[in-house]
Amino acid sequence: MKANVYVTLKAGVLDPQGETVKRSLHLMGNDDIEEVRIGKFIQIKMRNQGLEQARRQLEEISDQLLANPVIEDFRVELAEGE
């Protein structure tokens, strides 16, 4: 089973890295870019244990280690049989 975990900054949290990328894009002539937010993408491969059990485990891992729950949100996607 494969899982994808997406970690993003919560709305309202400043993203200095995203602002730097946006400024660089504007300097390259991409003036239509209004906002850039930088996040993390984590791929995890695990033994098949059932979707609900895997989701619970991954949400716990994400909350405790992969994301900072004070300033970040996360989303877990599971793909069985890959």
PDB file of N, CA and C in Angstrom:
ATOM      1  N   MET A   1       0.843  -1.167   0.000  1.00  0.00           N
ATOM      2  CA  MET A   1       0.000   0.000   0.000  1.00  0.00           C
ATOM      3  C   MET A   1       0.892   1.235   0.000  1.00  0.00           C
ATOM      4  N   LYS A   2       0.518   2.214  -0.794  1.00  0.00           N
ATOM      5  CA  LYS A   2       1.253   3.471  -0.823  1.00  0.00           C
ATOM      6  C   LYS A   2       0.387   4.577  -0.254  1.00  0.00           C
ATOM      7  N   ALA A   3       1.044   5.503   0.398  1.00  0.00           N
ATOM      8  CA  ALA A   3       0.350   6.661   0.948  1.00  0.00           C
ATOM      9  C   ALA A   3       1.102   7.923   0.554  1.00  0.00           C
ATOM     10  N   ASN A   4       0.345   8.950   0.287  1.00  0.00           N
ATOM     11  CA  ASN A   4       0.902  10.274   0.056  1.00  0.00           C
ATOM     12  C   ASN A   4       0.404  11.178   1.169  1.00  0.00           C
ATOM     13  N   VAL A   5       1.328  11.897   1.784  1.00  0.00           N
ATOM     14  CA  VAL A   5       0.972  12.852   2.829  1.00  0.00           C
ATOM     15  C   VAL A   5       1.379  14.234   2.340  1.00  0.00           C
ATOM     16  N   TYR A   6       0.421  15.145   2.330  1.00  0.00           N
ATOM     17  CA  TYR A   6       0.658  16.521   1.920  1.00  0.00           C
ATOM     18  C   TYR A   6       0.589  17.397   3.169  1.00  0.00           C
ATOM     19  N   VAL A   7       1.644  18.154   3.419  1.00  0.00           N
ATOM     20  CA  VAL A   7       1.707  19.044   4.576  1.00  0.00           C
ATOM     21  C   VAL A   7       1.784  20.474   4.053  1.00  0.00           C
ATOM     22  N   THR A   8       0.854  21.305   4.497  1.00  0.00           N
ATOM     23  CA  THR A   8       0.806  22.704   4.057  1.00  0.00           C
ATOM     24  C   THR A   8       0.642  23.619   5.252  1.00  0.00           C
ATOM     25  N   LEU A   9       1.097  24.848   5.084  1.00  0.00           N
ATOM     26  CA  LEU A   9       0.912  25.834   6.141  1.00  0.00           C
ATOM     27  C   LEU A   9      -0.560  26.175   6.268  1.00  0.00           C
ATOM     28  N   LYS A  10      -1.003  26.401   7.491  1.00  0.00           N
ATOM     29  CA  LYS A  10      -2.388  26.800   7.718  1.00  0.00           C
ATOM     30  C   LYS A  10      -2.622  28.180   7.121  1.00  0.00           C
ATOM     31  N   ALA A  11      -3.872  28.435   6.779  1.00  0.00           N
ATOM     32  CA  ALA A  11      -4.245  29.754   6.266  1.00  0.00           C
ATOM     33  C   ALA A  11      -3.880  30.810   7.311  1.00  0.00           C
ATOM     34  N   GLY A  12      -3.320  31.900   6.861  1.00  0.00           N
ATOM     35  CA  GLY A  12      -2.951  32.979   7.766  1.00  0.00           C
ATOM     36  C   GLY A  12      -1.527  32.896   8.290  1.00  0.00           C
ATOM     37  N   VAL A  13      -0.860  31.757   8.113  1.00  0.00           N
ATOM     38  CA  VAL A  13       0.532  31.611   8.532  1.00  0.00           C
ATOM     39  C   VAL A  13       1.420  32.147   7.413  1.00  0.00           C
ATOM     40  N   LEU A  14       2.317  33.051   7.752  1.00  0.00           N
ATOM     41  CA  LEU A  14       3.215  33.621   6.752  1.00  0.00           C
ATOM     42  C   LEU A  14       4.109  32.539   6.146  1.00  0.00           C
ATOM     43  N   ASP A  15       4.367  32.682   4.848  1.00  0.00           N
ATOM     44  CA  ASP A  15       5.192  31.721   4.126  1.00  0.00           C
ATOM     45  C   ASP A  15       6.330  32.473   3.439  1.00  0.00           C
ATOM     46  N   PRO A  16       7.428  32.755   4.159  1.00  0.00           N
ATOM     47  CA  PRO A  16       8.526  33.518   3.569  1.00  0.00           C
ATOM     48  C   PRO A  16       9.143  32.834   2.353  1.00  0.00           C
ATOM     49  N   GLN A  17       9.218  31.512   2.353  1.00  0.00           N
ATOM     50  CA  GLN A  17       9.773  30.798   1.202  1.00  0.00           C
ATOM     51  C   GLN A  17       8.867  30.975  -0.014  1.00  0.00           C
ATOM     52  N   GLY A  18       7.574  30.885   0.195  1.00  0.00           N
ATOM     53  CA  GLY A  18       6.629  31.099  -0.884  1.00  0.00           C
ATOM     54  C   GLY A  18       6.713  32.510  -1.444  1.00  0.00           C
ATOM     55  N   GLU A  19       6.880  33.496  -0.560  1.00  0.00           N
ATOM     56  CA  GLU A  19       7.014  34.890  -1.000  1.00  0.00           C
ATOM     57  C   GLU A  19       8.281  35.086  -1.829  1.00  0.00           C
ATOM     58  N   THR A  20       9.367  34.440  -1.434  1.00  0.00           N
ATOM     59  CA  THR A  20      10.618  34.529  -2.190  1.00  0.00           C
ATOM     60  C   THR A  20      10.447  33.934  -3.587  1.00  0.00           C
ATOM     61  N   VAL A  21       9.787  32.800  -3.674  1.00  0.00           N
ATOM     62  CA  VAL A  21       9.544  32.175  -4.974  1.00  0.00           C
ATOM     63  C   VAL A  21       8.648  33.072  -5.827  1.00  0.00           C
ATOM     64  N   LYS A  22       7.621  33.652  -5.216  1.00  0.00           N
ATOM     65  CA  LYS A  22       6.722  34.542  -5.958  1.00  0.00           C
ATOM     66  C   LYS A  22       7.477  35.750  -6.516  1.00  0.00           C
ATOM     67  N   ARG A  23       8.337  36.355  -5.714  1.00  0.00           N
ATOM     68  CA  ARG A  23       9.140  37.487  -6.198  1.00  0.00           C
ATOM     69  C   ARG A  23      10.023  37.065  -7.366  1.00  0.00           C
ATOM     70  N   SER A  24      10.648  35.899  -7.259  1.00  0.00           N
ATOM     71  CA  SER A  24      11.498  35.405  -8.347  1.00  0.00           C
ATOM     72  C   SER A  24      10.684  35.166  -9.614  1.00  0.00           C
ATOM     73  N   LEU A  25       9.501  34.605  -9.466  1.00  0.00           N
ATOM     74  CA  LEU A  25       8.635  34.385 -10.622  1.00  0.00           C
ATOM     75  C   LEU A  25       8.251  35.711 -11.273  1.00  0.00           C
ATOM     76  N   HIS A  26       7.982  36.737 -10.466  1.00  0.00           N
ATOM     77  CA  HIS A  26       7.666  38.059 -11.016  1.00  0.00           C
ATOM     78  C   HIS A  26       8.865  38.629 -11.770  1.00  0.00           C
ATOM     79  N   LEU A  27      10.063  38.448 -11.216  1.00  0.00           N
ATOM     80  CA  LEU A  27      11.270  38.929 -11.903  1.00  0.00           C
ATOM     81  C   LEU A  27      11.476  38.223 -13.241  1.00  0.00           C
ATOM     82  N   MET A  28      10.971  37.006 -13.359  1.00  0.00           N
ATOM     83  CA  MET A  28      11.075  36.239 -14.605  1.00  0.00           C
ATOM     84  C   MET A  28       9.959  36.599 -15.584  1.00  0.00           C
ATOM     85  N   GLY A  29       9.106  37.546 -15.202  1.00  0.00           N
ATOM     86  CA  GLY A  29       8.050  37.994 -16.096  1.00  0.00           C
ATOM     87  C   GLY A  29       6.700  37.330 -15.880  1.00  0.00           C
ATOM     88  N   ASN A  30       6.568  36.560 -14.836  1.00  0.00           N
ATOM     89  CA  ASN A  30       5.302  35.873 -14.543  1.00  0.00           C
ATOM     90  C   ASN A  30       4.454  36.724 -13.601  1.00  0.00           C
ATOM     91  N   ASP A  31       3.998  37.867 -14.108  1.00  0.00           N
ATOM     92  CA  ASP A  31       3.275  38.825 -13.276  1.00  0.00           C
ATOM     93  C   ASP A  31       1.865  38.362 -12.909  1.00  0.00           C
ATOM     94  N   ASP A  32       1.363  37.326 -13.555  1.00  0.00           N
ATOM     95  CA  ASP A  32       0.023  36.834 -13.253  1.00  0.00           C
ATOM     96  C   ASP A  32      -0.017  35.947 -12.008  1.00  0.00           C
ATOM     97  N   ILE A  33       1.129  35.597 -11.440  1.00  0.00           N
ATOM     98  CA  ILE A  33       1.188  34.778 -10.223  1.00  0.00           C
ATOM     99  C   ILE A  33       0.818  35.659  -9.034  1.00  0.00           C
ATOM    100  N   GLU A  34      -0.234  35.277  -8.321  1.00  0.00           N
ATOM    101  CA  GLU A  34      -0.713  36.073  -7.189  1.00  0.00           C
ATOM    102  C   GLU A  34      -0.217  35.561  -5.842  1.00  0.00           C
ATOM    103  N   GLU A  35      -0.065  34.247  -5.706  1.00  0.00           N
ATOM    104  CA  GLU A  35       0.338  33.689  -4.420  1.00  0.00           C
ATOM    105  C   GLU A  35       1.075  32.380  -4.644  1.00  0.00           C
ATOM    106  N   VAL A  36       2.091  32.135  -3.829  1.00  0.00           N
ATOM    107  CA  VAL A  36       2.821  30.866  -3.832  1.00  0.00           C
ATOM    108  C   VAL A  36       2.912  30.398  -2.387  1.00  0.00           C
ATOM    109  N   ARG A  37       2.518  29.162  -2.144  1.00  0.00           N
ATOM    110  CA  ARG A  37       2.640  28.555  -0.823  1.00  0.00           C
ATOM    111  C   ARG A  37       3.495  27.297  -0.991  1.00  0.00           C
ATOM    112  N   ILE A  38       4.475  27.129  -0.131  1.00  0.00           N
ATOM    113  CA  ILE A  38       5.379  25.981  -0.187  1.00  0.00           C
ATOM    114  C   ILE A  38       4.966  24.982   0.892  1.00  0.00           C
ATOM    115  N   GLY A  39       4.943  23.706   0.540  1.00  0.00           N
ATOM    116  CA  GLY A  39       4.598  22.663   1.493  1.00  0.00           C
ATOM    117  C   GLY A  39       5.536  21.475   1.345  1.00  0.00           C
ATOM    118  N   LYS A  40       5.138  20.364   1.939  1.00  0.00           N
ATOM    119  CA  LYS A  40       5.929  19.139   1.870  1.00  0.00           C
ATOM    120  C   LYS A  40       5.056  18.018   1.303  1.00  0.00           C
ATOM    121  N   PHE A  41       5.699  17.123   0.566  1.00  0.00           N
ATOM    122  CA  PHE A  41       5.046  15.937   0.028  1.00  0.00           C
ATOM    123  C   PHE A  41       5.862  14.738   0.494  1.00  0.00           C
ATOM    124  N   ILE A  42       5.213  13.807   1.180  1.00  0.00           N
ATOM    125  CA  ILE A  42       5.900  12.628   1.707  1.00  0.00           C
ATOM    126  C   ILE A  42       5.217  11.386   1.150  1.00  0.00           C
ATOM    127  N   GLN A  43       5.994  10.494   0.533  1.00  0.00           N
ATOM    128  CA  GLN A  43       5.479   9.207   0.064  1.00  0.00           C
ATOM    129  C   GLN A  43       5.886   8.130   1.060  1.00  0.00           C
ATOM    130  N   ILE A  44       4.929   7.294   1.408  1.00  0.00           N
ATOM    131  CA  ILE A  44       5.180   6.213   2.365  1.00  0.00           C
ATOM    132  C   ILE A  44       4.657   4.913   1.765  1.00  0.00           C
ATOM    133  N   LYS A  45       5.462   3.880   1.825  1.00  0.00           N
ATOM    134  CA  LYS A  45       5.019   2.550   1.395  1.00  0.00           C
ATOM    135  C   LYS A  45       4.924   1.701   2.656  1.00  0.00           C
ATOM    136  N   MET A  46       3.808   1.011   2.814  1.00  0.00           N
ATOM    137  CA  MET A  46       3.601   0.222   4.027  1.00  0.00           C
ATOM    138  C   MET A  46       2.940  -1.109   3.689  1.00  0.00           C
ATOM    139  N   ARG A  47       3.033  -2.050   4.620  1.00  0.00           N
ATOM    140  CA  ARG A  47       2.372  -3.337   4.428  1.00  0.00           C
ATOM    141  C   ARG A  47       0.867  -3.117   4.418  1.00  0.00           C
ATOM    142  N   ASN A  48       0.193  -3.893   3.596  1.00  0.00           N
ATOM    143  CA  ASN A  48      -1.257  -3.782   3.498  1.00  0.00           C
ATOM    144  C   ASN A  48      -1.885  -4.232   4.812  1.00  0.00           C
ATOM    145  N   GLN A  49      -2.652  -3.343   5.427  1.00  0.00           N
ATOM    146  CA  GLN A  49      -3.258  -3.660   6.718  1.00  0.00           C
ATOM    147  C   GLN A  49      -4.715  -3.221   6.790  1.00  0.00           C
ATOM    148  N   GLY A  50      -5.295  -2.867   5.667  1.00  0.00           N
ATOM    149  CA  GLY A  50      -6.658  -2.357   5.653  1.00  0.00           C
ATOM    150  C   GLY A  50      -6.638  -0.844   5.625  1.00  0.00           C
ATOM    151  N   LEU A  51      -7.525  -0.273   4.856  1.00  0.00           N
ATOM    152  CA  LEU A  51      -7.510   1.175   4.641  1.00  0.00           C
ATOM    153  C   LEU A  51      -7.731   1.980   5.915  1.00  0.00           C
ATOM    154  N   GLU A  52      -8.699   1.583   6.720  1.00  0.00           N
ATOM    155  CA  GLU A  52      -9.008   2.384   7.914  1.00  0.00           C
ATOM    156  C   GLU A  52      -7.876   2.352   8.939  1.00  0.00           C
ATOM    157  N   GLN A  53      -7.299   1.190   9.158  1.00  0.00           N
ATOM    158  CA  GLN A  53      -6.180   1.078  10.101  1.00  0.00           C
ATOM    159  C   GLN A  53      -4.982   1.872   9.581  1.00  0.00           C
ATOM    160  N   ALA A  54      -4.709   1.770   8.286  1.00  0.00           N
ATOM    161  CA  ALA A  54      -3.587   2.508   7.699  1.00  0.00           C
ATOM    162  C   ALA A  54      -3.824   4.013   7.812  1.00  0.00           C
ATOM    163  N   ARG A  55      -5.048   4.447   7.527  1.00  0.00           N
ATOM    164  CA  ARG A  55      -5.361   5.885   7.622  1.00  0.00           C
ATOM    165  C   ARG A  55      -5.159   6.397   9.047  1.00  0.00           C
ATOM    166  N   ARG A  56      -5.650   5.644  10.025  1.00  0.00           N
ATOM    167  CA  ARG A  56      -5.473   6.059  11.430  1.00  0.00           C
ATOM    168  C   ARG A  56      -3.991   6.156  11.785  1.00  0.00           C
ATOM    169  N   GLN A  57      -3.214   5.157  11.379  1.00  0.00           N
ATOM    170  CA  GLN A  57      -1.779   5.150  11.676  1.00  0.00           C
ATOM    171  C   GLN A  57      -1.085   6.336  11.012  1.00  0.00           C
ATOM    172  N   LEU A  58      -1.398   6.590   9.753  1.00  0.00           N
ATOM    173  CA  LEU A  58      -0.763   7.693   9.031  1.00  0.00           C
ATOM    174  C   LEU A  58      -1.174   9.053   9.577  1.00  0.00           C
ATOM    175  N   GLU A  59      -2.414   9.182   9.994  1.00  0.00           N
ATOM    176  CA  GLU A  59      -2.836  10.451  10.588  1.00  0.00           C
ATOM    177  C   GLU A  59      -2.129  10.701  11.917  1.00  0.00           C
ATOM    178  N   GLU A  60      -1.937   9.649  12.691  1.00  0.00           N
ATOM    179  CA  GLU A  60      -1.198   9.781  13.949  1.00  0.00           C
ATOM    180  C   GLU A  60       0.266  10.157  13.689  1.00  0.00           C
ATOM    181  N   ILE A  61       0.897   9.479  12.727  1.00  0.00           N
ATOM    182  CA  ILE A  61       2.283   9.783  12.360  1.00  0.00           C
ATOM    183  C   ILE A  61       2.402  11.221  11.865  1.00  0.00           C
ATOM    184  N   SER A  62       1.462  11.630  11.029  1.00  0.00           N
ATOM    185  CA  SER A  62       1.504  12.985  10.475  1.00  0.00           C
ATOM    186  C   SER A  62       1.353  14.021  11.571  1.00  0.00           C
ATOM    187  N   ASP A  63       0.419  13.782  12.495  1.00  0.00           N
ATOM    188  CA  ASP A  63       0.168  14.728  13.580  1.00  0.00           C
ATOM    189  C   ASP A  63       1.341  14.810  14.550  1.00  0.00           C
ATOM    190  N   GLN A  64       2.007  13.676  14.798  1.00  0.00           N
ATOM    191  CA  GLN A  64       3.088  13.635  15.781  1.00  0.00           C
ATOM    192  C   GLN A  64       4.462  13.977  15.216  1.00  0.00           C
ATOM    193  N   LEU A  65       4.687  13.731  13.906  1.00  0.00           N
ATOM    194  CA  LEU A  65       6.039  13.868  13.382  1.00  0.00           C
ATOM    195  C   LEU A  65       6.134  14.670  12.086  1.00  0.00           C
ATOM    196  N   LEU A  66       5.282  14.366  11.123  1.00  0.00           N
ATOM    197  CA  LEU A  66       5.454  14.947   9.796  1.00  0.00           C
ATOM    198  C   LEU A  66       4.999  16.397   9.701  1.00  0.00           C
ATOM    199  N   ALA A  67       4.022  16.784  10.504  1.00  0.00           N
ATOM    200  CA  ALA A  67       3.495  18.149  10.459  1.00  0.00           C
ATOM    201  C   ALA A  67       3.572  18.773  11.852  1.00  0.00           C
ATOM    202  N   ASN A  68       3.704  20.081  11.878  1.00  0.00           N
ATOM    203  CA  ASN A  68       3.618  20.831  13.124  1.00  0.00           C
ATOM    204  C   ASN A  68       2.169  21.299  13.243  1.00  0.00           C
ATOM    205  N   PRO A  69       1.354  20.667  14.106  1.00  0.00           N
ATOM    206  CA  PRO A  69      -0.074  20.972  14.145  1.00  0.00           C
ATOM    207  C   PRO A  69      -0.410  22.410  14.535  1.00  0.00           C
ATOM    208  N   VAL A  70       0.549  23.133  15.068  1.00  0.00           N
ATOM    209  CA  VAL A  70       0.309  24.529  15.427  1.00  0.00           C
ATOM    210  C   VAL A  70       0.205  25.403  14.182  1.00  0.00           C
ATOM    211  N   ILE A  71       1.054  25.130  13.168  1.00  0.00           N
ATOM    212  CA  ILE A  71       1.085  25.995  11.986  1.00  0.00           C
ATOM    213  C   ILE A  71       0.809  25.268  10.673  1.00  0.00           C
ATOM    214  N   GLU A  72       0.687  23.931  10.718  1.00  0.00           N
ATOM    215  CA  GLU A  72       0.525  23.167   9.477  1.00  0.00           C
ATOM    216  C   GLU A  72      -0.700  22.266   9.517  1.00  0.00           C
ATOM    217  N   ASP A  73      -1.280  22.072   8.333  1.00  0.00           N
ATOM    218  CA  ASP A  73      -2.323  21.081   8.123  1.00  0.00           C
ATOM    219  C   ASP A  73      -1.726  19.941   7.322  1.00  0.00           C
ATOM    220  N   PHE A  74      -2.376  18.776   7.345  1.00  0.00           N
ATOM    221  CA  PHE A  74      -1.918  17.668   6.515  1.00  0.00           C
ATOM    222  C   PHE A  74      -3.126  16.948   5.933  1.00  0.00           C
ATOM    223  N   ARG A  75      -2.854  16.263   4.826  1.00  0.00           N
ATOM    224  CA  ARG A  75      -3.878  15.457   4.160  1.00  0.00           C
ATOM    225  C   ARG A  75      -3.230  14.145   3.749  1.00  0.00           C
ATOM    226  N   VAL A  76      -3.912  13.045   4.017  1.00  0.00           N
ATOM    227  CA  VAL A  76      -3.406  11.698   3.725  1.00  0.00           C
ATOM    228  C   VAL A  76      -4.226  11.114   2.579  1.00  0.00           C
ATOM    229  N   GLU A  77      -3.534  10.567   1.562  1.00  0.00           N
ATOM    230  CA  GLU A  77      -4.178   9.834   0.477  1.00  0.00           C
ATOM    231  C   GLU A  77      -3.613   8.431   0.444  1.00  0.00           C
ATOM    232  N   LEU A  78      -4.490   7.443   0.373  1.00  0.00           N
ATOM    233  CA  LEU A  78      -4.070   6.039   0.340  1.00  0.00           C
ATOM    234  C   LEU A  78      -4.400   5.428  -1.010  1.00  0.00           C
ATOM    235  N   ALA A  79      -3.514   4.540  -1.470  1.00  0.00           N
ATOM    236  CA  ALA A  79      -3.740   3.797  -2.716  1.00  0.00           C
ATOM    237  C   ALA A  79      -3.449   2.334  -2.417  1.00  0.00           C
ATOM    238  N   GLU A  80      -4.488   1.528  -2.330  1.00  0.00           N
ATOM    239  CA  GLU A  80      -4.338   0.116  -1.999  1.00  0.00           C
ATOM    240  C   GLU A  80      -3.855  -0.674  -3.215  1.00  0.00           C
ATOM    241  N   GLY A  81      -2.978  -1.643  -2.963  1.00  0.00           N
ATOM    242  CA  GLY A  81      -2.564  -2.566  -3.996  1.00  0.00           C
ATOM    243  C   GLY A  81      -1.511  -2.046  -4.939  1.00  0.00           C
ATOM    244  N   GLU A  82      -0.859  -0.961  -4.634  1.00  0.00           N
ATOM    245  CA  GLU A  82       0.203  -0.458  -5.519  1.00  0.00           C
ATOM    246  C   GLU A  82       1.552  -0.858  -5.005  1.00  0.00           C
TER     247      GLU A  82
END
